[in-house]
């Protein structure tokens, strides 16, 4: 992959942070630190596009109300016996299915990146 060189200006505190990461051995040079930070920003933006806000405090009133209603519905379903008990194998299969669906969704989000 070709690399484009850029010159950037940073406040002293950020520059010290980057140098500290290199000095600690977390990265071999400042460029690696910045590339990792940009990748992280890209992942966060992709996740926001896919699933909305990443933190409960960022939820809008409507979304928060929908979550509240969903939890209340789930509690009522449980109280009224509308649930399925899973043994260990069933639980493992359930989470494996969730993992497969999640990987499929992530792949779809990743394929949309420039």
PDB file of N, CA and C in Angstrom:
ATOM      1  N   UNK A   1       0.847  -1.171   0.000  1.00  0.00           N
ATOM      2  CA  UNK A   1       0.000   0.000   0.000  1.00  0.00           C
ATOM      3  C   UNK A   1       0.896   1.238   0.000  1.00  0.00           C
ATOM      4  N   UNK A   2       0.647   2.178  -0.886  1.00  0.00           N
ATOM      5  CA  UNK A   2       1.466   3.387  -0.912  1.00  0.00           C
ATOM      6  C   UNK A   2       1.198   4.232   0.326  1.00  0.00           C
ATOM      7  N   UNK A   3       2.220   4.930   0.771  1.00  0.00           N
ATOM      8  CA  UNK A   3       2.132   5.789   1.950  1.00  0.00           C
ATOM      9  C   UNK A   3       2.275   7.234   1.509  1.00  0.00           C
ATOM     10  N   UNK A   4       1.374   8.066   1.985  1.00  0.00           N
ATOM     11  CA  UNK A   4       1.450   9.496   1.697  1.00  0.00           C
ATOM     12  C   UNK A   4       2.016  10.194   2.915  1.00  0.00           C
ATOM     13  N   UNK A   5       3.007  11.014   2.690  1.00  0.00           N
ATOM     14  CA  UNK A   5       3.633  11.738   3.789  1.00  0.00           C
ATOM     15  C   UNK A   5       2.860  13.018   4.061  1.00  0.00           C
ATOM     16  N   UNK A   6       2.643  13.302   5.359  1.00  0.00           N
ATOM     17  CA  UNK A   6       1.952  14.518   5.772  1.00  0.00           C
ATOM     18  C   UNK A   6       2.728  15.145   6.918  1.00  0.00           C
ATOM     19  N   UNK A   7       2.699  16.439   6.982  1.00  0.00           N
ATOM     20  CA  UNK A   7       3.264  17.153   8.127  1.00  0.00           C
ATOM     21  C   UNK A   7       2.101  17.683   8.941  1.00  0.00           C
ATOM     22  N   UNK A   8       2.110  17.407  10.242  1.00  0.00           N
ATOM     23  CA  UNK A   8       1.021  17.866  11.094  1.00  0.00           C
ATOM     24  C   UNK A   8       1.571  18.658  12.268  1.00  0.00           C
ATOM     25  N   UNK A   9       0.746  19.518  12.809  1.00  0.00           N
ATOM     26  CA  UNK A   9       1.109  20.295  13.993  1.00  0.00           C
ATOM     27  C   UNK A   9       0.243  19.824  15.149  1.00  0.00           C
ATOM     28  N   UNK A  10       0.884  19.620  16.304  1.00  0.00           N
ATOM     29  CA  UNK A  10       0.169  19.146  17.484  1.00  0.00           C
ATOM     30  C   UNK A  10       0.504  20.018  18.686  1.00  0.00           C
ATOM     31  N   UNK A  11      -0.430  20.143  19.608  1.00  0.00           N
ATOM     32  CA  UNK A  11      -0.106  20.814  20.866  1.00  0.00           C
ATOM     33  C   UNK A  11       0.950  19.998  21.617  1.00  0.00           C
ATOM     34  N   UNK A  12       1.747  20.651  22.458  1.00  0.00           N
ATOM     35  CA  UNK A  12       2.810  19.940  23.180  1.00  0.00           C
ATOM     36  C   UNK A  12       2.323  18.712  23.954  1.00  0.00           C
ATOM     37  N   UNK A  13       1.151  18.806  24.563  1.00  0.00           N
ATOM     38  CA  UNK A  13       0.641  17.678  25.352  1.00  0.00           C
ATOM     39  C   UNK A  13       0.430  16.446  24.470  1.00  0.00           C
ATOM     40  N   UNK A  14      -0.125  16.637  23.261  1.00  0.00           N
ATOM     41  CA  UNK A  14      -0.335  15.504  22.354  1.00  0.00           C
ATOM     42  C   UNK A  14       1.003  14.960  21.851  1.00  0.00           C
ATOM     43  N   UNK A  15       1.926  15.847  21.553  1.00  0.00           N
ATOM     44  CA  UNK A  15       3.242  15.415  21.077  1.00  0.00           C
ATOM     45  C   UNK A  15       3.945  14.584  22.154  1.00  0.00           C
ATOM     46  N   UNK A  16       3.837  15.033  23.421  1.00  0.00           N
ATOM     47  CA  UNK A  16       4.446  14.265  24.524  1.00  0.00           C
ATOM     48  C   UNK A  16       3.791  12.891  24.651  1.00  0.00           C
ATOM     49  N   UNK A  17       2.480  12.852  24.474  1.00  0.00           N
ATOM     50  CA  UNK A  17       1.758  11.580  24.555  1.00  0.00           C
ATOM     51  C   UNK A  17       2.282  10.612  23.498  1.00  0.00           C
ATOM     52  N   UNK A  18       2.411  11.092  22.273  1.00  0.00           N
ATOM     53  CA  UNK A  18       2.893  10.248  21.175  1.00  0.00           C
ATOM     54  C   UNK A  18       4.317   9.777  21.447  1.00  0.00           C
ATOM     55  N   UNK A  19       5.181  10.704  21.851  1.00  0.00           N
ATOM     56  CA  UNK A  19       6.563  10.313  22.164  1.00  0.00           C
ATOM     57  C   UNK A  19       6.587   9.298  23.303  1.00  0.00           C
ATOM     58  N   UNK A  20       5.694   9.461  24.278  1.00  0.00           N
ATOM     59  CA  UNK A  20       5.625   8.521  25.399  1.00  0.00           C
ATOM     60  C   UNK A  20       5.254   7.122  24.946  1.00  0.00           C
ATOM     61  N   UNK A  21       4.330   7.025  23.989  1.00  0.00           N
ATOM     62  CA  UNK A  21       3.938   5.718  23.460  1.00  0.00           C
ATOM     63  C   UNK A  21       5.111   5.031  22.764  1.00  0.00           C
ATOM     64  N   UNK A  22       5.884   5.813  22.023  1.00  0.00           N
ATOM     65  CA  UNK A  22       7.051   5.266  21.334  1.00  0.00           C
ATOM     66  C   UNK A  22       8.106   4.850  22.362  1.00  0.00           C
ATOM     67  N   UNK A  23       8.357   5.738  23.331  1.00  0.00           N
ATOM     68  CA  UNK A  23       9.371   5.455  24.352  1.00  0.00           C
ATOM     69  C   UNK A  23       9.015   4.224  25.175  1.00  0.00           C
ATOM     70  N   UNK A  24       7.725   4.018  25.435  1.00  0.00           N
ATOM     71  CA  UNK A  24       7.286   2.856  26.208  1.00  0.00           C
ATOM     72  C   UNK A  24       7.390   1.562  25.407  1.00  0.00           C
ATOM     73  N   UNK A  25       7.623   1.692  24.089  1.00  0.00           N
ATOM     74  CA  UNK A  25       7.747   0.505  23.255  1.00  0.00           C
ATOM     75  C   UNK A  25       6.425   0.018  22.682  1.00  0.00           C
ATOM     76  N   UNK A  26       5.362   0.800  22.889  1.00  0.00           N
ATOM     77  CA  UNK A  26       4.067   0.409  22.335  1.00  0.00           C
ATOM     78  C   UNK A  26       4.055   0.512  20.814  1.00  0.00           C
ATOM     79  N   UNK A  27       4.851   1.422  20.270  1.00  0.00           N
ATOM     80  CA  UNK A  27       4.956   1.658  18.829  1.00  0.00           C
ATOM     81  C   UNK A  27       6.416   1.910  18.501  1.00  0.00           C
ATOM     82  N   UNK A  28       6.780   1.673  17.239  1.00  0.00           N
ATOM     83  CA  UNK A  28       8.184   1.890  16.862  1.00  0.00           C
ATOM     84  C   UNK A  28       8.471   3.330  16.454  1.00  0.00           C
ATOM     85  N   UNK A  29       7.427   4.084  16.054  1.00  0.00           N
ATOM     86  CA  UNK A  29       7.637   5.482  15.694  1.00  0.00           C
ATOM     87  C   UNK A  29       6.315   6.256  15.799  1.00  0.00           C
ATOM     88  N   UNK A  30       6.404   7.567  15.697  1.00  0.00           N
ATOM     89  CA  UNK A  30       5.235   8.436  15.847  1.00  0.00           C
ATOM     90  C   UNK A  30       4.191   8.165  14.759  1.00  0.00           C
ATOM     91  N   UNK A  31       4.632   7.834  13.573  1.00  0.00           N
ATOM     92  CA  UNK A  31       3.676   7.565  12.489  1.00  0.00           C
ATOM     93  C   UNK A  31       2.763   6.393  12.828  1.00  0.00           C
ATOM     94  N   UNK A  32       3.314   5.359  13.455  1.00  0.00           N
ATOM     95  CA  UNK A  32       2.491   4.212  13.846  1.00  0.00           C
ATOM     96  C   UNK A  32       1.429   4.617  14.861  1.00  0.00           C
ATOM     97  N   UNK A  33       1.799   5.490  15.791  1.00  0.00           N
ATOM     98  CA  UNK A  33       0.840   5.957  16.799  1.00  0.00           C
ATOM     99  C   UNK A  33      -0.314   6.679  16.108  1.00  0.00           C
ATOM    100  N   UNK A  34       0.015   7.589  15.196  1.00  0.00           N
ATOM    101  CA  UNK A  34      -1.013   8.379  14.502  1.00  0.00           C
ATOM    102  C   UNK A  34      -1.869   7.476  13.628  1.00  0.00           C
ATOM    103  N   UNK A  35      -1.253   6.540  12.910  1.00  0.00           N
ATOM    104  CA  UNK A  35      -2.033   5.629  12.064  1.00  0.00           C
ATOM    105  C   UNK A  35      -3.013   4.810  12.905  1.00  0.00           C
ATOM    106  N   UNK A  36      -2.543   4.329  14.060  1.00  0.00           N
ATOM    107  CA  UNK A  36      -3.415   3.553  14.938  1.00  0.00           C
ATOM    108  C   UNK A  36      -4.577   4.420  15.448  1.00  0.00           C
ATOM    109  N   UNK A  37      -4.286   5.661  15.788  1.00  0.00           N
ATOM    110  CA  UNK A  37      -5.333   6.570  16.259  1.00  0.00           C
ATOM    111  C   UNK A  37      -6.368   6.831  15.158  1.00  0.00           C
ATOM    112  N   UNK A  38      -5.912   7.027  13.935  1.00  0.00           N
ATOM    113  CA  UNK A  38      -6.831   7.272  12.824  1.00  0.00           C
ATOM    114  C   UNK A  38      -7.671   6.019  12.552  1.00  0.00           C
ATOM    115  N   UNK A  39      -7.060   4.844  12.595  1.00  0.00           N
ATOM    116  CA  UNK A  39      -7.817   3.599  12.416  1.00  0.00           C
ATOM    117  C   UNK A  39      -8.915   3.486  13.469  1.00  0.00           C
ATOM    118  N   UNK A  40      -8.549   3.827  14.694  1.00  0.00           N
ATOM    119  CA  UNK A  40      -9.527   3.770  15.784  1.00  0.00           C
ATOM    120  C   UNK A  40     -10.684   4.735  15.506  1.00  0.00           C
ATOM    121  N   UNK A  41     -10.383   5.924  15.049  1.00  0.00           N
ATOM    122  CA  UNK A  41     -11.430   6.890  14.702  1.00  0.00           C
ATOM    123  C   UNK A  41     -12.318   6.347  13.582  1.00  0.00           C
ATOM    124  N   UNK A  42     -11.711   5.707  12.595  1.00  0.00           N
ATOM    125  CA  UNK A  42     -12.486   5.130  11.492  1.00  0.00           C
ATOM    126  C   UNK A  42     -13.426   4.039  12.005  1.00  0.00           C
ATOM    127  N   UNK A  43     -12.928   3.203  12.915  1.00  0.00           N
ATOM    128  CA  UNK A  43     -13.754   2.138  13.480  1.00  0.00           C
ATOM    129  C   UNK A  43     -14.936   2.715  14.258  1.00  0.00           C
ATOM    130  N   UNK A  44     -14.687   3.763  15.020  1.00  0.00           N
ATOM    131  CA  UNK A  44     -15.756   4.393  15.800  1.00  0.00           C
ATOM    132  C   UNK A  44     -16.811   4.975  14.869  1.00  0.00           C
ATOM    133  N   UNK A  45     -16.373   5.665  13.817  1.00  0.00           N
ATOM    134  CA  UNK A  45     -17.330   6.239  12.873  1.00  0.00           C
ATOM    135  C   UNK A  45     -18.139   5.158  12.165  1.00  0.00           C
ATOM    136  N   UNK A  46     -17.479   4.069  11.788  1.00  0.00           N
ATOM    137  CA  UNK A  46     -18.190   2.972  11.133  1.00  0.00           C
ATOM    138  C   UNK A  46     -19.207   2.355  12.083  1.00  0.00           C
ATOM    139  N   UNK A  47     -18.826   2.207  13.344  1.00  0.00           N
ATOM    140  CA  UNK A  47     -19.750   1.628  14.329  1.00  0.00           C
ATOM    141  C   UNK A  47     -20.942   2.549  14.552  1.00  0.00           C
ATOM    142  N   UNK A  48     -20.710   3.844  14.585  1.00  0.00           N
ATOM    143  CA  UNK A  48     -21.817   4.787  14.767  1.00  0.00           C
ATOM    144  C   UNK A  48     -22.786   4.714  13.597  1.00  0.00           C
ATOM    145  N   UNK A  49     -22.256   4.595  12.389  1.00  0.00           N
ATOM    146  CA  UNK A  49     -23.119   4.496  11.212  1.00  0.00           C
ATOM    147  C   UNK A  49     -23.922   3.210  11.246  1.00  0.00           C
ATOM    148  N   UNK A  50     -23.293   2.151  11.777  1.00  0.00           N
ATOM    149  CA  UNK A  50     -23.948   0.856  11.777  1.00  0.00           C
ATOM    150  C   UNK A  50     -24.979   0.730  12.890  1.00  0.00           C
ATOM    151  N   UNK A  51     -24.586   1.098  14.112  1.00  0.00           N
ATOM    152  CA  UNK A  51     -25.480   0.835  15.246  1.00  0.00           C
ATOM    153  C   UNK A  51     -25.890   2.069  16.014  1.00  0.00           C
ATOM    154  N   UNK A  52     -25.529   3.238  15.536  1.00  0.00           N
ATOM    155  CA  UNK A  52     -25.927   4.451  16.231  1.00  0.00           C
ATOM    156  C   UNK A  52     -24.930   4.832  17.305  1.00  0.00           C
ATOM    157  N   UNK A  53     -25.345   5.661  18.251  1.00  0.00           N
ATOM    158  CA  UNK A  53     -24.434   6.165  19.285  1.00  0.00           C
ATOM    159  C   UNK A  53     -23.756   5.035  20.052  1.00  0.00           C
ATOM    160  N   UNK A  54     -22.509   5.264  20.439  1.00  0.00           N
ATOM    161  CA  UNK A  54     -21.723   4.226  21.091  1.00  0.00           C
ATOM    162  C   UNK A  54     -21.869   4.230  22.612  1.00  0.00           C
ATOM    163  N   UNK A  55     -22.462   5.248  23.186  1.00  0.00           N
ATOM    164  CA  UNK A  55     -22.549   5.354  24.631  1.00  0.00           C
ATOM    165  C   UNK A  55     -23.985   5.693  25.023  1.00  0.00           C
ATOM    166  N   UNK A  56     -24.507   5.083  26.093  1.00  0.00           N
ATOM    167  CA  UNK A  56     -25.894   5.340  26.475  1.00  0.00           C
ATOM    168  C   UNK A  56     -26.217   6.822  26.679  1.00  0.00           C
ATOM    169  N   UNK A  57     -25.250   7.599  27.155  1.00  0.00           N
ATOM    170  CA  UNK A  57     -25.497   9.024  27.361  1.00  0.00           C
ATOM    171  C   UNK A  57     -25.742   9.753  26.046  1.00  0.00           C
ATOM    172  N   UNK A  58     -25.374   9.145  24.931  1.00  0.00           N
ATOM    173  CA  UNK A  58     -25.538   9.772  23.625  1.00  0.00           C
ATOM    174  C   UNK A  58     -26.888   9.406  22.990  1.00  0.00           C
ATOM    175  N   UNK A  59     -27.674   8.585  23.664  1.00  0.00           N
ATOM    176  CA  UNK A  59     -28.948   8.169  23.106  1.00  0.00           C
ATOM    177  C   UNK A  59     -29.943   9.325  23.117  1.00  0.00           C
ATOM    178  N   UNK A  60     -30.700   9.445  22.044  1.00  0.00           N
ATOM    179  CA  UNK A  60     -31.750  10.455  21.996  1.00  0.00           C
ATOM    180  C   UNK A  60     -32.903  10.012  22.884  1.00  0.00           C
ATOM    181  N   UNK A  61     -33.784  10.929  23.207  1.00  0.00           N
ATOM    182  CA  UNK A  61     -34.924  10.604  24.051  1.00  0.00           C
ATOM    183  C   UNK A  61     -35.767   9.477  23.482  1.00  0.00           C
ATOM    184  N   UNK A  62     -36.012   9.510  22.163  1.00  0.00           N
ATOM    185  CA  UNK A  62     -36.821   8.469  21.527  1.00  0.00           C
ATOM    186  C   UNK A  62     -36.152   7.104  21.622  1.00  0.00           C
ATOM    187  N   UNK A  63     -34.855   7.061  21.365  1.00  0.00           N
ATOM    188  CA  UNK A  63     -34.128   5.790  21.425  1.00  0.00           C
ATOM    189  C   UNK A  63     -34.110   5.280  22.857  1.00  0.00           C
ATOM    190  N   UNK A  64     -33.854   6.170  23.799  1.00  0.00           N
ATOM    191  CA  UNK A  64     -33.828   5.784  25.214  1.00  0.00           C
ATOM    192  C   UNK A  64     -35.195   5.207  25.629  1.00  0.00           C
ATOM    193  N   UNK A  65     -36.271   5.844  25.183  1.00  0.00           N
ATOM    194  CA  UNK A  65     -37.623   5.364  25.511  1.00  0.00           C
ATOM    195  C   UNK A  65     -37.872   3.994  24.882  1.00  0.00           C
ATOM    196  N   UNK A  66     -37.419   3.784  23.632  1.00  0.00           N
ATOM    197  CA  UNK A  66     -37.575   2.472  22.985  1.00  0.00           C
ATOM    198  C   UNK A  66     -36.823   1.385  23.737  1.00  0.00           C
ATOM    199  N   UNK A  67     -35.625   1.713  24.210  1.00  0.00           N
ATOM    200  CA  UNK A  67     -34.839   0.736  24.978  1.00  0.00           C
ATOM    201  C   UNK A  67     -35.574   0.410  26.272  1.00  0.00           C
ATOM    202  N   UNK A  68     -36.063   1.433  26.946  1.00  0.00           N
ATOM    203  CA  UNK A  68     -36.795   1.233  28.199  1.00  0.00           C
ATOM    204  C   UNK A  68     -38.005   0.324  27.980  1.00  0.00           C
ATOM    205  N   UNK A  69     -38.764   0.587  26.917  1.00  0.00           N
ATOM    206  CA  UNK A  69     -39.941  -0.226  26.626  1.00  0.00           C
ATOM    207  C   UNK A  69     -39.556  -1.670  26.292  1.00  0.00           C
ATOM    208  N   UNK A  70     -38.461  -1.844  25.569  1.00  0.00           N
ATOM    209  CA  UNK A  70     -37.998  -3.197  25.224  1.00  0.00           C
ATOM    210  C   UNK A  70     -37.614  -3.974  26.475  1.00  0.00           C
ATOM    211  N   UNK A  71     -36.940  -3.315  27.394  1.00  0.00           N
ATOM    212  CA  UNK A  71     -36.548  -3.977  28.649  1.00  0.00           C
ATOM    213  C   UNK A  71     -37.794  -4.350  29.453  1.00  0.00           C
ATOM    214  N   UNK A  72     -38.744  -3.437  29.521  1.00  0.00           N
ATOM    215  CA  UNK A  72     -39.981  -3.720  30.257  1.00  0.00           C
ATOM    216  C   UNK A  72     -40.746  -4.889  29.629  1.00  0.00           C
ATOM    217  N   UNK A  73     -40.780  -4.935  28.277  1.00  0.00           N
ATOM    218  CA  UNK A  73     -41.434  -6.043  27.572  1.00  0.00           C
ATOM    219  C   UNK A  73     -40.733  -7.359  27.887  1.00  0.00           C
ATOM    220  N   UNK A  74     -39.399  -7.328  27.888  1.00  0.00           N
ATOM    221  CA  UNK A  74     -38.634  -8.535  28.188  1.00  0.00           C
ATOM    222  C   UNK A  74     -38.877  -9.020  29.604  1.00  0.00           C
ATOM    223  N   UNK A  75     -38.930  -8.091  30.551  1.00  0.00           N
ATOM    224  CA  UNK A  75     -39.191  -8.473  31.943  1.00  0.00           C
ATOM    225  C   UNK A  75     -40.584  -9.082  32.074  1.00  0.00           C
ATOM    226  N   UNK A  76     -41.553  -8.495  31.399  1.00  0.00           N
ATOM    227  CA  UNK A  76     -42.928  -9.016  31.450  1.00  0.00           C
ATOM    228  C   UNK A  76     -42.989 -10.407  30.811  1.00  0.00           C
ATOM    229  N   UNK A  77     -42.321 -10.565  29.662  1.00  0.00           N
ATOM    230  CA  UNK A  77     -42.290 -11.888  29.018  1.00  0.00           C
ATOM    231  C   UNK A  77     -41.702 -12.929  29.965  1.00  0.00           C
ATOM    232  N   UNK A  78     -40.636 -12.564  30.663  1.00  0.00           N
ATOM    233  CA  UNK A  78     -40.004 -13.491  31.595  1.00  0.00           C
ATOM    234  C   UNK A  78     -40.968 -13.850  32.724  1.00  0.00           C
ATOM    235  N   UNK A  79     -41.591 -12.819  33.302  1.00  0.00           N
ATOM    236  CA  UNK A  79     -42.523 -13.049  34.404  1.00  0.00           C
ATOM    237  C   UNK A  79     -43.681 -13.943  33.984  1.00  0.00           C
ATOM    238  N   UNK A  80     -44.098 -13.844  32.734  1.00  0.00           N
ATOM    239  CA  UNK A  80     -45.243 -14.615  32.253  1.00  0.00           C
ATOM    240  C   UNK A  80     -44.833 -15.927  31.580  1.00  0.00           C
ATOM    241  N   UNK A  81     -43.548 -16.273  31.707  1.00  0.00           N
ATOM    242  CA  UNK A  81     -43.083 -17.566  31.222  1.00  0.00           C
ATOM    243  C   UNK A  81     -42.815 -17.646  29.732  1.00  0.00           C
ATOM    244  N   UNK A  82     -42.733 -16.504  29.059  1.00  0.00           N
ATOM    245  CA  UNK A  82     -42.457 -16.507  27.611  1.00  0.00           C
ATOM    246  C   UNK A  82     -40.947 -16.360  27.384  1.00  0.00           C
ATOM    247  N   UNK A  83     -40.247 -17.446  27.619  1.00  0.00           N
ATOM    248  CA  UNK A  83     -38.812 -17.483  27.376  1.00  0.00           C
ATOM    249  C   UNK A  83     -38.402 -18.929  27.144  1.00  0.00           C
ATOM    250  N   UNK A  84     -37.191 -19.095  26.658  1.00  0.00           N
ATOM    251  CA  UNK A  84     -36.681 -20.430  26.362  1.00  0.00           C
ATOM    252  C   UNK A  84     -35.427 -20.659  27.198  1.00  0.00           C
ATOM    253  N   UNK A  85     -35.428 -21.724  27.957  1.00  0.00           N
ATOM    254  CA  UNK A  85     -34.238 -22.066  28.736  1.00  0.00           C
ATOM    255  C   UNK A  85     -33.266 -22.824  27.844  1.00  0.00           C
ATOM    256  N   UNK A  86     -31.991 -22.529  27.994  1.00  0.00           N
ATOM    257  CA  UNK A  86     -30.957 -23.177  27.196  1.00  0.00           C
ATOM    258  C   UNK A  86     -29.986 -23.899  28.114  1.00  0.00           C
ATOM    259  N   UNK A  87     -29.611 -25.110  27.724  1.00  0.00           N
ATOM    260  CA  UNK A  87     -28.546 -25.787  28.444  1.00  0.00           C
ATOM    261  C   UNK A  87     -27.217 -25.226  27.936  1.00  0.00           C
ATOM    262  N   UNK A  88     -26.109 -25.750  28.444  1.00  0.00           N
ATOM    263  CA  UNK A  88     -24.804 -25.195  28.066  1.00  0.00           C
ATOM    264  C   UNK A  88     -24.562 -25.268  26.556  1.00  0.00           C
ATOM    265  N   UNK A  89     -24.916 -26.388  25.947  1.00  0.00           N
ATOM    266  CA  UNK A  89     -24.716 -26.533  24.500  1.00  0.00           C
ATOM    267  C   UNK A  89     -25.599 -25.553  23.733  1.00  0.00           C
ATOM    268  N   UNK A  90     -26.837 -25.395  24.182  1.00  0.00           N
ATOM    269  CA  UNK A  90     -27.740 -24.455  23.530  1.00  0.00           C
ATOM    270  C   UNK A  90     -27.262 -23.025  23.662  1.00  0.00           C
ATOM    271  N   UNK A  91     -26.717 -22.698  24.842  1.00  0.00           N
ATOM    272  CA  UNK A  91     -26.182 -21.353  25.066  1.00  0.00           C
ATOM    273  C   UNK A  91     -24.957 -21.103  24.192  1.00  0.00           C
ATOM    274  N   UNK A  92     -24.086 -22.093  24.088  1.00  0.00           N
ATOM    275  CA  UNK A  92     -22.913 -21.953  23.225  1.00  0.00           C
ATOM    276  C   UNK A  92     -23.333 -21.743  21.777  1.00  0.00           C
ATOM    277  N   UNK A  93     -24.320 -22.490  21.330  1.00  0.00           N
ATOM    278  CA  UNK A  93     -24.806 -22.341  19.963  1.00  0.00           C
ATOM    279  C   UNK A  93     -25.418 -20.967  19.758  1.00  0.00           C
ATOM    280  N   UNK A  94     -26.177 -20.508  20.747  1.00  0.00           N
ATOM    281  CA  UNK A  94     -26.814 -19.186  20.674  1.00  0.00           C
ATOM    282  C   UNK A  94     -25.751 -18.096  20.483  1.00  0.00           C
ATOM    283  N   UNK A  95     -24.694 -18.136  21.312  1.00  0.00           N
ATOM    284  CA  UNK A  95     -23.654 -17.122  21.203  1.00  0.00           C
ATOM    285  C   UNK A  95     -22.820 -17.289  19.941  1.00  0.00           C
ATOM    286  N   UNK A  96     -22.647 -18.509  19.485  1.00  0.00           N
ATOM    287  CA  UNK A  96     -21.932 -18.720  18.220  1.00  0.00           C
ATOM    288  C   UNK A  96     -22.713 -18.083  17.071  1.00  0.00           C
ATOM    289  N   UNK A  97     -24.033 -18.238  17.102  1.00  0.00           N
ATOM    290  CA  UNK A  97     -24.875 -17.617  16.068  1.00  0.00           C
ATOM    291  C   UNK A  97     -24.783 -16.092  16.124  1.00  0.00           C
ATOM    292  N   UNK A  98     -24.788 -15.551  17.329  1.00  0.00           N
ATOM    293  CA  UNK A  98     -24.647 -14.094  17.475  1.00  0.00           C
ATOM    294  C   UNK A  98     -23.302 -13.647  16.901  1.00  0.00           C
ATOM    295  N   UNK A  99     -22.257 -14.402  17.205  1.00  0.00           N
ATOM    296  CA  UNK A  99     -20.931 -14.071  16.683  1.00  0.00           C
ATOM    297  C   UNK A  99     -20.884 -14.093  15.168  1.00  0.00           C
ATOM    298  N   UNK A 100     -21.503 -15.092  14.570  1.00  0.00           N
ATOM    299  CA  UNK A 100     -21.532 -15.190  13.104  1.00  0.00           C
ATOM    300  C   UNK A 100     -22.257 -13.997  12.494  1.00  0.00           C
ATOM    301  N   UNK A 101     -23.406 -13.645  13.088  1.00  0.00           N
ATOM    302  CA  UNK A 101     -24.157 -12.494  12.571  1.00  0.00           C
ATOM    303  C   UNK A 101     -23.349 -11.204  12.734  1.00  0.00           C
ATOM    304  N   UNK A 102     -22.678 -11.068  13.872  1.00  0.00           N
ATOM    305  CA  UNK A 102     -21.865  -9.874  14.112  1.00  0.00           C
ATOM    306  C   UNK A 102     -20.713  -9.766  13.126  1.00  0.00           C
ATOM    307  N   UNK A 103     -20.034 -10.880  12.857  1.00  0.00           N
ATOM    308  CA  UNK A 103     -18.928 -10.861  11.897  1.00  0.00           C
ATOM    309  C   UNK A 103     -19.423 -10.508  10.502  1.00  0.00           C
ATOM    310  N   UNK A 104     -20.595 -11.018  10.159  1.00  0.00           N
ATOM    311  CA  UNK A 104     -21.172 -10.717   8.850  1.00  0.00           C
ATOM    312  C   UNK A 104     -21.476  -9.222   8.741  1.00  0.00           C
ATOM    313  N   UNK A 105     -22.036  -8.657   9.807  1.00  0.00           N
ATOM    314  CA  UNK A 105     -22.343  -7.223   9.802  1.00  0.00           C
ATOM    315  C   UNK A 105     -21.075  -6.384   9.750  1.00  0.00           C
ATOM    316  N   UNK A 106     -20.070  -6.771  10.516  1.00  0.00           N
ATOM    317  CA  UNK A 106     -18.797  -6.034  10.492  1.00  0.00           C
ATOM    318  C   UNK A 106     -18.152  -6.093   9.116  1.00  0.00           C
ATOM    319  N   UNK A 107     -18.227  -7.249   8.487  1.00  0.00           N
ATOM    320  CA  UNK A 107     -17.664  -7.385   7.129  1.00  0.00           C
ATOM    321  C   UNK A 107     -18.383  -6.447   6.172  1.00  0.00           C
ATOM    322  N   UNK A 108     -19.693  -6.335   6.332  1.00  0.00           N
ATOM    323  CA  UNK A 108     -20.463  -5.441   5.454  1.00  0.00           C
ATOM    324  C   UNK A 108     -20.070  -3.994   5.705  1.00  0.00           C
ATOM    325  N   UNK A 109     -19.856  -3.609   6.960  1.00  0.00           N
ATOM    326  CA  UNK A 109     -19.441  -2.244   7.288  1.00  0.00           C
ATOM    327  C   UNK A 109     -18.032  -2.003   6.755  1.00  0.00           C
ATOM    328  N   UNK A 110     -17.143  -2.986   6.936  1.00  0.00           N
ATOM    329  CA  UNK A 110     -15.756  -2.843   6.465  1.00  0.00           C
ATOM    330  C   UNK A 110     -15.668  -2.704   4.974  1.00  0.00           C
ATOM    331  N   UNK A 111     -16.558  -3.359   4.243  1.00  0.00           N
ATOM    332  CA  UNK A 111     -16.525  -3.278   2.777  1.00  0.00           C
ATOM    333  C   UNK A 111     -17.005  -1.922   2.281  1.00  0.00           C
ATOM    334  N   UNK A 112     -17.623  -1.142   3.162  1.00  0.00           N
ATOM    335  CA  UNK A 112     -18.109   0.189   2.778  1.00  0.00           C
ATOM    336  C   UNK A 112     -17.057   1.262   3.000  1.00  0.00           C
ATOM    337  N   UNK A 113     -15.943   0.910   3.668  1.00  0.00           N
ATOM    338  CA  UNK A 113     -14.862   1.886   3.912  1.00  0.00           C
ATOM    339  C   UNK A 113     -14.174   2.247   2.618  1.00  0.00           C
ATOM    340  N   UNK A 114     -13.698   3.494   2.546  1.00  0.00           N
ATOM    341  CA  UNK A 114     -12.967   3.915   1.320  1.00  0.00           C
ATOM    342  C   UNK A 114     -11.644   3.216   1.185  1.00  0.00           C
TER     343      UNK A 114
END
